[in-house]
Amino acid sequence: MIQKTYLKTKDQCKVKFTMSLTDAERVEIRGLNNDWETPIQMKKRKDGVFECVQNLPRHTQHEFKYLVNGTEWRNDPDADGETPNEYGGTNTLLVL
């Protein structure tokens, strides 16, 4: 799930990423700000939900994917859409 909160005093949007995966040990976000090499670690809560908050610039688009346990790539079904990637699949699309 993705929640967007547009900040009134800054030209940014606070984006909260949430993913419920009780069987996962680690979830990373890859590709935000066009940076596929530097993972953003999501924190696991006691109830098995992973979450992360990022401030991103307004009026931008971001492609990303979740990497679960270092092996499984997933898109976010609650995002603004999907866009084709160079590997024949799709990336999640986030529009701010």
PDB file of N, CA and C in Angstrom:
ATOM      1  N   MET A   1       0.844  -1.176   0.000  1.00  0.00           N
ATOM      2  CA  MET A   1       0.000   0.000   0.000  1.00  0.00           C
ATOM      3  C   MET A   1       0.890   1.240   0.000  1.00  0.00           C
ATOM      4  N   ILE A   2       0.443   2.252  -0.670  1.00  0.00           N
ATOM      5  CA  ILE A   2       1.176   3.511  -0.752  1.00  0.00           C
ATOM      6  C   ILE A   2       0.262   4.635  -0.283  1.00  0.00           C
ATOM      7  N   GLN A   3       0.757   5.434   0.673  1.00  0.00           N
ATOM      8  CA  GLN A   3       0.019   6.617   1.139  1.00  0.00           C
ATOM      9  C   GLN A   3       0.865   7.848   0.841  1.00  0.00           C
ATOM     10  N   LYS A   4       0.245   8.855   0.229  1.00  0.00           N
ATOM     11  CA  LYS A   4       0.938  10.094  -0.113  1.00  0.00           C
ATOM     12  C   LYS A   4       0.404  11.226   0.744  1.00  0.00           C
ATOM     13  N   THR A   5       1.327  12.007   1.306  1.00  0.00           N
ATOM     14  CA  THR A   5       0.968  13.204   2.053  1.00  0.00           C
ATOM     15  C   THR A   5       1.793  14.354   1.489  1.00  0.00           C
ATOM     16  N   TYR A   6       1.136  15.294   0.824  1.00  0.00           N
ATOM     17  CA  TYR A   6       1.841  16.432   0.233  1.00  0.00           C
ATOM     18  C   TYR A   6       2.113  17.465   1.315  1.00  0.00           C
ATOM     19  N   LEU A   7       3.373  17.857   1.441  1.00  0.00           N
ATOM     20  CA  LEU A   7       3.775  18.820   2.465  1.00  0.00           C
ATOM     21  C   LEU A   7       3.448  20.236   1.996  1.00  0.00           C
ATOM     22  N   LYS A   8       2.860  21.031   2.877  1.00  0.00           N
ATOM     23  CA  LYS A   8       2.452  22.388   2.520  1.00  0.00           C
ATOM     24  C   LYS A   8       3.621  23.355   2.482  1.00  0.00           C
ATOM     25  N   THR A   9       4.616  23.137   3.333  1.00  0.00           N
ATOM     26  CA  THR A   9       5.717  24.095   3.448  1.00  0.00           C
ATOM     27  C   THR A   9       6.907  23.743   2.562  1.00  0.00           C
ATOM     28  N   LYS A  10       6.910  22.553   1.963  1.00  0.00           N
ATOM     29  CA  LYS A  10       8.018  22.140   1.106  1.00  0.00           C
ATOM     30  C   LYS A  10       7.452  21.585  -0.187  1.00  0.00           C
ATOM     31  N   ASP A  11       8.262  21.586  -1.220  1.00  0.00           N
ATOM     32  CA  ASP A  11       7.847  21.058  -2.513  1.00  0.00           C
ATOM     33  C   ASP A  11       8.134  19.557  -2.566  1.00  0.00           C
ATOM     34  N   GLN A  12       7.621  18.856  -1.545  1.00  0.00           N
ATOM     35  CA  GLN A  12       7.862  17.429  -1.411  1.00  0.00           C
ATOM     36  C   GLN A  12       6.583  16.690  -1.035  1.00  0.00           C
ATOM     37  N   CYS A  13       6.665  15.381  -1.184  1.00  0.00           N
ATOM     38  CA  CYS A  13       5.568  14.511  -0.786  1.00  0.00           C
ATOM     39  C   CYS A  13       6.139  13.434   0.134  1.00  0.00           C
ATOM     40  N   LYS A  14       5.494  13.226   1.270  1.00  0.00           N
ATOM     41  CA  LYS A  14       5.889  12.155   2.183  1.00  0.00           C
ATOM     42  C   LYS A  14       5.137  10.904   1.737  1.00  0.00           C
ATOM     43  N   VAL A  15       5.897   9.879   1.363  1.00  0.00           N
ATOM     44  CA  VAL A  15       5.297   8.654   0.836  1.00  0.00           C
ATOM     45  C   VAL A  15       5.561   7.522   1.820  1.00  0.00           C
ATOM     46  N   LYS A  16       4.481   6.869   2.250  1.00  0.00           N
ATOM     47  CA  LYS A  16       4.599   5.728   3.160  1.00  0.00           C
ATOM     48  C   LYS A  16       4.317   4.452   2.372  1.00  0.00           C
ATOM     49  N   PHE A  17       5.314   3.581   2.329  1.00  0.00           N
ATOM     50  CA  PHE A  17       5.204   2.288   1.664  1.00  0.00           C
ATOM     51  C   PHE A  17       4.923   1.231   2.728  1.00  0.00           C
ATOM     52  N   THR A  18       3.914   0.414   2.509  1.00  0.00           N
ATOM     53  CA  THR A  18       3.547  -0.636   3.462  1.00  0.00           C
ATOM     54  C   THR A  18       3.303  -1.930   2.694  1.00  0.00           C
ATOM     55  N   MET A  19       3.863  -3.027   3.209  1.00  0.00           N
ATOM     56  CA  MET A  19       3.685  -4.327   2.569  1.00  0.00           C
ATOM     57  C   MET A  19       3.529  -5.393   3.643  1.00  0.00           C
ATOM     58  N   SER A  20       2.461  -6.171   3.567  1.00  0.00           N
ATOM     59  CA  SER A  20       2.199  -7.219   4.544  1.00  0.00           C
ATOM     60  C   SER A  20       2.714  -8.555   4.017  1.00  0.00           C
ATOM     61  N   LEU A  21       3.800  -9.035   4.600  1.00  0.00           N
ATOM     62  CA  LEU A  21       4.414 -10.304   4.205  1.00  0.00           C
ATOM     63  C   LEU A  21       4.890 -11.018   5.464  1.00  0.00           C
ATOM     64  N   THR A  22       4.049 -11.823   6.042  1.00  0.00           N
ATOM     65  CA  THR A  22       4.412 -12.472   7.308  1.00  0.00           C
ATOM     66  C   THR A  22       5.528 -13.496   7.157  1.00  0.00           C
ATOM     67  N   ASP A  23       5.715 -14.052   5.947  1.00  0.00           N
ATOM     68  CA  ASP A  23       6.746 -15.064   5.748  1.00  0.00           C
ATOM     69  C   ASP A  23       8.087 -14.485   5.299  1.00  0.00           C
ATOM     70  N   ALA A  24       8.178 -13.182   5.083  1.00  0.00           N
ATOM     71  CA  ALA A  24       9.415 -12.557   4.607  1.00  0.00           C
ATOM     72  C   ALA A  24      10.312 -12.157   5.770  1.00  0.00           C
ATOM     73  N   GLU A  25      11.609 -12.209   5.508  1.00  0.00           N
ATOM     74  CA  GLU A  25      12.601 -11.756   6.484  1.00  0.00           C
ATOM     75  C   GLU A  25      13.094 -10.349   6.174  1.00  0.00           C
ATOM     76  N   ARG A  26      13.138 -10.006   4.865  1.00  0.00           N
ATOM     77  CA  ARG A  26      13.702  -8.719   4.456  1.00  0.00           C
ATOM     78  C   ARG A  26      12.989  -8.231   3.202  1.00  0.00           C
ATOM     79  N   VAL A  27      12.672  -6.946   3.181  1.00  0.00           N
ATOM     80  CA  VAL A  27      12.084  -6.317   1.994  1.00  0.00           C
ATOM     81  C   VAL A  27      12.832  -5.010   1.743  1.00  0.00           C
ATOM     82  N   GLU A  28      13.242  -4.820   0.486  1.00  0.00           N
ATOM     83  CA  GLU A  28      13.931  -3.600   0.069  1.00  0.00           C
ATOM     84  C   GLU A  28      13.120  -2.934  -1.038  1.00  0.00           C
ATOM     85  N   ILE A  29      13.254  -1.611  -1.128  1.00  0.00           N
ATOM     86  CA  ILE A  29      12.703  -0.865  -2.260  1.00  0.00           C
ATOM     87  C   ILE A  29      13.889  -0.539  -3.157  1.00  0.00           C
ATOM     88  N   ARG A  30      13.754  -0.872  -4.436  1.00  0.00           N
ATOM     89  CA  ARG A  30      14.820  -0.592  -5.399  1.00  0.00           C
ATOM     90  C   ARG A  30      14.284   0.307  -6.505  1.00  0.00           C
ATOM     91  N   GLY A  31      15.086   1.289  -6.912  1.00  0.00           N
ATOM     92  CA  GLY A  31      14.763   2.117  -8.065  1.00  0.00           C
ATOM     93  C   GLY A  31      14.270   3.520  -7.768  1.00  0.00           C
ATOM     94  N   LEU A  32      13.893   3.817  -6.528  1.00  0.00           N
ATOM     95  CA  LEU A  32      13.431   5.183  -6.243  1.00  0.00           C
ATOM     96  C   LEU A  32      14.523   6.182  -6.597  1.00  0.00           C
ATOM     97  N   ASN A  33      14.130   7.318  -7.130  1.00  0.00           N
ATOM     98  CA  ASN A  33      15.068   8.346  -7.592  1.00  0.00           C
ATOM     99  C   ASN A  33      16.037   7.790  -8.629  1.00  0.00           C
ATOM    100  N   ASN A  34      15.572   6.769  -9.381  1.00  0.00           N
ATOM    101  CA  ASN A  34      16.350   6.145 -10.445  1.00  0.00           C
ATOM    102  C   ASN A  34      17.638   5.507  -9.920  1.00  0.00           C
ATOM    103  N   ASP A  35      17.634   5.052  -8.683  1.00  0.00           N
ATOM    104  CA  ASP A  35      18.806   4.425  -8.067  1.00  0.00           C
ATOM    105  C   ASP A  35      18.486   2.957  -7.771  1.00  0.00           C
ATOM    106  N   TRP A  36      18.871   2.091  -8.700  1.00  0.00           N
ATOM    107  CA  TRP A  36      18.599   0.665  -8.559  1.00  0.00           C
ATOM    108  C   TRP A  36      19.677  -0.049  -7.763  1.00  0.00           C
ATOM    109  N   GLU A  37      20.812   0.594  -7.557  1.00  0.00           N
ATOM    110  CA  GLU A  37      21.948  -0.041  -6.875  1.00  0.00           C
ATOM    111  C   GLU A  37      21.901   0.119  -5.355  1.00  0.00           C
ATOM    112  N   THR A  38      21.236   1.168  -4.868  1.00  0.00           N
ATOM    113  CA  THR A  38      21.201   1.444  -3.436  1.00  0.00           C
ATOM    114  C   THR A  38      19.831   1.081  -2.880  1.00  0.00           C
ATOM    115  N   PRO A  39      19.737  -0.011  -2.130  1.00  0.00           N
ATOM    116  CA  PRO A  39      18.431  -0.416  -1.604  1.00  0.00           C
ATOM    117  C   PRO A  39      17.972   0.460  -0.447  1.00  0.00           C
ATOM    118  N   ILE A  40      16.672   0.608  -0.323  1.00  0.00           N
ATOM    119  CA  ILE A  40      16.059   1.257   0.829  1.00  0.00           C
ATOM    120  C   ILE A  40      15.407   0.145   1.641  1.00  0.00           C
ATOM    121  N   GLN A  41      15.937  -0.096   2.823  1.00  0.00           N
ATOM    122  CA  GLN A  41      15.435  -1.172   3.671  1.00  0.00           C
ATOM    123  C   GLN A  41      14.099  -0.776   4.297  1.00  0.00           C
ATOM    124  N   MET A  42      13.141  -1.682   4.238  1.00  0.00           N
ATOM    125  CA  MET A  42      11.878  -1.482   4.927  1.00  0.00           C
ATOM    126  C   MET A  42      11.989  -2.143   6.297  1.00  0.00           C
ATOM    127  N   LYS A  43      11.393  -1.529   7.306  1.00  0.00           N
ATOM    128  CA  LYS A  43      11.441  -2.076   8.662  1.00  0.00           C
ATOM    129  C   LYS A  43      10.271  -3.021   8.885  1.00  0.00           C
ATOM    130  N   LYS A  44      10.559  -4.136   9.542  1.00  0.00           N
ATOM    131  CA  LYS A  44       9.530  -5.121   9.824  1.00  0.00           C
ATOM    132  C   LYS A  44       8.957  -4.884  11.211  1.00  0.00           C
ATOM    133  N   ARG A  45       7.630  -4.711  11.266  1.00  0.00           N
ATOM    134  CA  ARG A  45       6.954  -4.559  12.555  1.00  0.00           C
ATOM    135  C   ARG A  45       6.674  -5.951  13.134  1.00  0.00           C
ATOM    136  N   LYS A  46       6.262  -5.988  14.392  1.00  0.00           N
ATOM    137  CA  LYS A  46       5.984  -7.256  15.067  1.00  0.00           C
ATOM    138  C   LYS A  46       4.856  -8.036  14.409  1.00  0.00           C
ATOM    139  N   ASP A  47       3.932  -7.331  13.749  1.00  0.00           N
ATOM    140  CA  ASP A  47       2.806  -8.004  13.105  1.00  0.00           C
ATOM    141  C   ASP A  47       3.138  -8.522  11.695  1.00  0.00           C
ATOM    142  N   GLY A  48       4.409  -8.405  11.287  1.00  0.00           N
ATOM    143  CA  GLY A  48       4.837  -8.919   9.989  1.00  0.00           C
ATOM    144  C   GLY A  48       4.693  -7.945   8.842  1.00  0.00           C
ATOM    145  N   VAL A  49       4.260  -6.725   9.120  1.00  0.00           N
ATOM    146  CA  VAL A  49       4.103  -5.703   8.092  1.00  0.00           C
ATOM    147  C   VAL A  49       5.418  -4.933   7.959  1.00  0.00           C
ATOM    148  N   PHE A  50       5.853  -4.759   6.716  1.00  0.00           N
ATOM    149  CA  PHE A  50       7.048  -3.971   6.437  1.00  0.00           C
ATOM    150  C   PHE A  50       6.604  -2.562   6.063  1.00  0.00           C
ATOM    151  N   GLU A  51       7.362  -1.551   6.536  1.00  0.00           N
ATOM    152  CA  GLU A  51       7.011  -0.177   6.177  1.00  0.00           C
ATOM    153  C   GLU A  51       8.253   0.693   6.060  1.00  0.00           C
ATOM    154  N   CYS A  52       8.071   1.781   5.314  1.00  0.00           N
ATOM    155  CA  CYS A  52       9.155   2.729   5.080  1.00  0.00           C
ATOM    156  C   CYS A  52       8.530   4.058   4.670  1.00  0.00           C
ATOM    157  N   VAL A  53       9.114   5.163   5.109  1.00  0.00           N
ATOM    158  CA  VAL A  53       8.637   6.494   4.731  1.00  0.00           C
ATOM    159  C   VAL A  53       9.782   7.226   4.032  1.00  0.00           C
ATOM    160  N   GLN A  54       9.469   7.809   2.875  1.00  0.00           N
ATOM    161  CA  GLN A  54      10.454   8.561   2.098  1.00  0.00           C
ATOM    162  C   GLN A  54       9.856   9.892   1.681  1.00  0.00           C
ATOM    163  N   ASN A  55      10.662  10.949   1.734  1.00  0.00           N
ATOM    164  CA  ASN A  55      10.255  12.242   1.194  1.00  0.00           C
ATOM    165  C   ASN A  55      10.787  12.333  -0.229  1.00  0.00           C
ATOM    166  N   LEU A  56       9.876  12.567  -1.181  1.00  0.00           N
ATOM    167  CA  LEU A  56      10.235  12.634  -2.591  1.00  0.00           C
ATOM    168  C   LEU A  56       9.745  13.949  -3.180  1.00  0.00           C
ATOM    169  N   PRO A  57      10.433  14.470  -4.196  1.00  0.00           N
ATOM    170  CA  PRO A  57      10.033  15.747  -4.797  1.00  0.00           C
ATOM    171  C   PRO A  57       8.671  15.659  -5.474  1.00  0.00           C
ATOM    172  N   ARG A  58       7.909  16.738  -5.361  1.00  0.00           N
ATOM    173  CA  ARG A  58       6.615  16.839  -6.046  1.00  0.00           C
ATOM    174  C   ARG A  58       6.835  16.906  -7.552  1.00  0.00           C
ATOM    175  N   HIS A  59       5.785  16.602  -8.294  1.00  0.00           N
ATOM    176  CA  HIS A  59       5.777  16.703  -9.756  1.00  0.00           C
ATOM    177  C   HIS A  59       6.848  15.820 -10.395  1.00  0.00           C
ATOM    178  N   THR A  60       7.052  14.634  -9.823  1.00  0.00           N
ATOM    179  CA  THR A  60       8.017  13.685 -10.362  1.00  0.00           C
ATOM    180  C   THR A  60       7.357  12.319 -10.520  1.00  0.00           C
ATOM    181  N   GLN A  61       8.011  11.464 -11.311  1.00  0.00           N
ATOM    182  CA  GLN A  61       7.574  10.086 -11.458  1.00  0.00           C
ATOM    183  C   GLN A  61       8.734   9.176 -11.050  1.00  0.00           C
ATOM    184  N   HIS A  62       8.390   8.066 -10.445  1.00  0.00           N
ATOM    185  CA  HIS A  62       9.408   7.132  -9.968  1.00  0.00           C
ATOM    186  C   HIS A  62       9.017   5.712 -10.350  1.00  0.00           C
ATOM    187  N   GLU A  63       9.984   4.957 -10.851  1.00  0.00           N
ATOM    188  CA  GLU A  63       9.804   3.529 -11.080  1.00  0.00           C
ATOM    189  C   GLU A  63      10.510   2.803  -9.952  1.00  0.00           C
ATOM    190  N   PHE A  64       9.890   1.738  -9.457  1.00  0.00           N
ATOM    191  CA  PHE A  64      10.535   0.960  -8.399  1.00  0.00           C
ATOM    192  C   PHE A  64       9.969  -0.437  -8.354  1.00  0.00           C
ATOM    193  N   LYS A  65      10.622  -1.287  -7.592  1.00  0.00           N
ATOM    194  CA  LYS A  65      10.148  -2.635  -7.307  1.00  0.00           C
ATOM    195  C   LYS A  65      10.543  -2.966  -5.875  1.00  0.00           C
ATOM    196  N   TYR A  66       9.806  -3.900  -5.279  1.00  0.00           N
ATOM    197  CA  TYR A  66      10.184  -4.451  -3.989  1.00  0.00           C
ATOM    198  C   TYR A  66      11.030  -5.698  -4.244  1.00  0.00           C
ATOM    199  N   LEU A  67      12.109  -5.858  -3.487  1.00  0.00           N
ATOM    200  CA  LEU A  67      12.919  -7.071  -3.537  1.00  0.00           C
ATOM    201  C   LEU A  67      12.730  -7.791  -2.206  1.00  0.00           C
ATOM    202  N   VAL A  68      12.089  -8.951  -2.257  1.00  0.00           N
ATOM    203  CA  VAL A  68      11.737  -9.712  -1.048  1.00  0.00           C
ATOM    204  C   VAL A  68      12.766 -10.816  -0.835  1.00  0.00           C
ATOM    205  N   ASN A  69      13.369 -10.809   0.354  1.00  0.00           N
ATOM    206  CA  ASN A  69      14.364 -11.815   0.754  1.00  0.00           C
ATOM    207  C   ASN A  69      15.531 -11.936  -0.231  1.00  0.00           C
ATOM    208  N   GLY A  70      15.793 -10.876  -0.981  1.00  0.00           N
ATOM    209  CA  GLY A  70      16.928 -10.853  -1.893  1.00  0.00           C
ATOM    210  C   GLY A  70      16.749 -11.657  -3.168  1.00  0.00           C
ATOM    211  N   THR A  71      15.559 -12.246  -3.389  1.00  0.00           N
ATOM    212  CA  THR A  71      15.383 -13.105  -4.558  1.00  0.00           C
ATOM    213  C   THR A  71      14.114 -12.848  -5.361  1.00  0.00           C
ATOM    214  N   GLU A  72      13.072 -12.334  -4.742  1.00  0.00           N
ATOM    215  CA  GLU A  72      11.773 -12.212  -5.412  1.00  0.00           C
ATOM    216  C   GLU A  72      11.404 -10.751  -5.651  1.00  0.00           C
ATOM    217  N   TRP A  73      11.229 -10.379  -6.918  1.00  0.00           N
ATOM    218  CA  TRP A  73      10.843  -9.026  -7.284  1.00  0.00           C
ATOM    219  C   TRP A  73       9.323  -8.918  -7.317  1.00  0.00           C
ATOM    220  N   ARG A  74       8.779  -7.849  -6.710  1.00  0.00           N
ATOM    221  CA  ARG A  74       7.328  -7.634  -6.695  1.00  0.00           C
ATOM    222  C   ARG A  74       7.001  -6.183  -7.005  1.00  0.00           C
ATOM    223  N   ASN A  75       5.862  -5.996  -7.664  1.00  0.00           N
ATOM    224  CA  ASN A  75       5.317  -4.658  -7.870  1.00  0.00           C
ATOM    225  C   ASN A  75       4.302  -4.365  -6.779  1.00  0.00           C
ATOM    226  N   ASP A  76       3.960  -3.095  -6.631  1.00  0.00           N
ATOM    227  CA  ASP A  76       2.940  -2.686  -5.669  1.00  0.00           C
ATOM    228  C   ASP A  76       1.607  -2.531  -6.395  1.00  0.00           C
ATOM    229  N   PRO A  77       0.609  -3.353  -6.078  1.00  0.00           N
ATOM    230  CA  PRO A  77      -0.673  -3.267  -6.784  1.00  0.00           C
ATOM    231  C   PRO A  77      -1.448  -1.984  -6.497  1.00  0.00           C
ATOM    232  N   ASP A  78      -1.088  -1.258  -5.442  1.00  0.00           N
ATOM    233  CA  ASP A  78      -1.794  -0.026  -5.082  1.00  0.00           C
ATOM    234  C   ASP A  78      -1.129   1.230  -5.643  1.00  0.00           C
ATOM    235  N   ALA A  79      -0.121   1.059  -6.484  1.00  0.00           N
ATOM    236  CA  ALA A  79       0.595   2.211  -7.039  1.00  0.00           C
ATOM    237  C   ALA A  79      -0.227   2.866  -8.152  1.00  0.00           C
ATOM    238  N   ASP A  80       0.346   3.902  -8.751  1.00  0.00           N
ATOM    239  CA  ASP A  80      -0.343   4.649  -9.801  1.00  0.00           C
ATOM    240  C   ASP A  80      -0.363   3.910 -11.133  1.00  0.00           C
ATOM    241  N   GLY A  81       0.398   2.854 -11.252  1.00  0.00           N
ATOM    242  CA  GLY A  81       0.408   2.080 -12.485  1.00  0.00           C
ATOM    243  C   GLY A  81       1.680   1.264 -12.597  1.00  0.00           C
ATOM    244  N   GLU A  82       1.880   0.715 -13.785  1.00  0.00           N
ATOM    245  CA  GLU A  82       3.080  -0.047 -14.086  1.00  0.00           C
ATOM    246  C   GLU A  82       3.631   0.440 -15.412  1.00  0.00           C
ATOM    247  N   THR A  83       4.926   0.266 -15.604  1.00  0.00           N
ATOM    248  CA  THR A  83       5.567   0.666 -16.845  1.00  0.00           C
ATOM    249  C   THR A  83       6.524  -0.446 -17.263  1.00  0.00           C
ATOM    250  N   PRO A  84       6.644  -0.710 -18.563  1.00  0.00           N
ATOM    251  CA  PRO A  84       7.532  -1.785 -19.013  1.00  0.00           C
ATOM    252  C   PRO A  84       8.990  -1.506 -18.631  1.00  0.00           C
ATOM    253  N   ASN A  85       9.710  -2.585 -18.317  1.00  0.00           N
ATOM    254  CA  ASN A  85      11.138  -2.437 -18.054  1.00  0.00           C
ATOM    255  C   ASN A  85      11.948  -3.163 -19.119  1.00  0.00           C
ATOM    256  N   GLU A  86      13.248  -3.035 -19.065  1.00  0.00           N
ATOM    257  CA  GLU A  86      14.124  -3.579 -20.105  1.00  0.00           C
ATOM    258  C   GLU A  86      14.266  -5.094 -20.044  1.00  0.00           C
ATOM    259  N   TYR A  87      13.680  -5.739 -19.040  1.00  0.00           N
ATOM    260  CA  TYR A  87      13.801  -7.181 -18.882  1.00  0.00           C
ATOM    261  C   TYR A  87      12.544  -7.931 -19.333  1.00  0.00           C
ATOM    262  N   GLY A  88      11.624  -7.224 -19.967  1.00  0.00           N
ATOM    263  CA  GLY A  88      10.406  -7.850 -20.453  1.00  0.00           C
ATOM    264  C   GLY A  88       9.285  -7.900 -19.436  1.00  0.00           C
ATOM    265  N   GLY A  89       9.506  -7.335 -18.262  1.00  0.00           N
ATOM    266  CA  GLY A  89       8.485  -7.275 -17.213  1.00  0.00           C
ATOM    267  C   GLY A  89       8.014  -5.846 -17.031  1.00  0.00           C
ATOM    268  N   THR A  90       7.542  -5.552 -15.835  1.00  0.00           N
ATOM    269  CA  THR A  90       7.092  -4.197 -15.534  1.00  0.00           C
ATOM    270  C   THR A  90       7.654  -3.735 -14.197  1.00  0.00           C
ATOM    271  N   ASN A  91       7.754  -2.424 -14.044  1.00  0.00           N
ATOM    272  CA  ASN A  91       8.105  -1.791 -12.772  1.00  0.00           C
ATOM    273  C   ASN A  91       6.873  -1.050 -12.254  1.00  0.00           C
ATOM    274  N   THR A  92       6.820  -0.868 -10.958  1.00  0.00           N
ATOM    275  CA  THR A  92       5.765  -0.071 -10.359  1.00  0.00           C
ATOM    276  C   THR A  92       5.996   1.391 -10.701  1.00  0.00           C
ATOM    277  N   LEU A  93       4.930   2.126 -10.979  1.00  0.00           N
ATOM    278  CA  LEU A  93       5.017   3.550 -11.305  1.00  0.00           C
ATOM    279  C   LEU A  93       4.357   4.357 -10.194  1.00  0.00           C
ATOM    280  N   LEU A  94       5.094   5.337  -9.678  1.00  0.00           N
ATOM    281  CA  LEU A  94       4.622   6.239  -8.644  1.00  0.00           C
ATOM    282  C   LEU A  94       4.650   7.660  -9.211  1.00  0.00           C
ATOM    283  N   VAL A  95       3.497   8.336  -9.222  1.00  0.00           N
ATOM    284  CA  VAL A  95       3.394   9.695  -9.757  1.00  0.00           C
ATOM    285  C   VAL A  95       3.069  10.630  -8.614  1.00  0.00           C
ATOM    286  N   LEU A  96       3.912  11.647  -8.434  1.00  0.00           N
ATOM    287  CA  LEU A  96       3.718  12.616  -7.344  1.00  0.00           C
ATOM    288  C   LEU A  96       3.378  13.981  -7.882  1.00  0.00           C
TER     289      LEU A  96
END
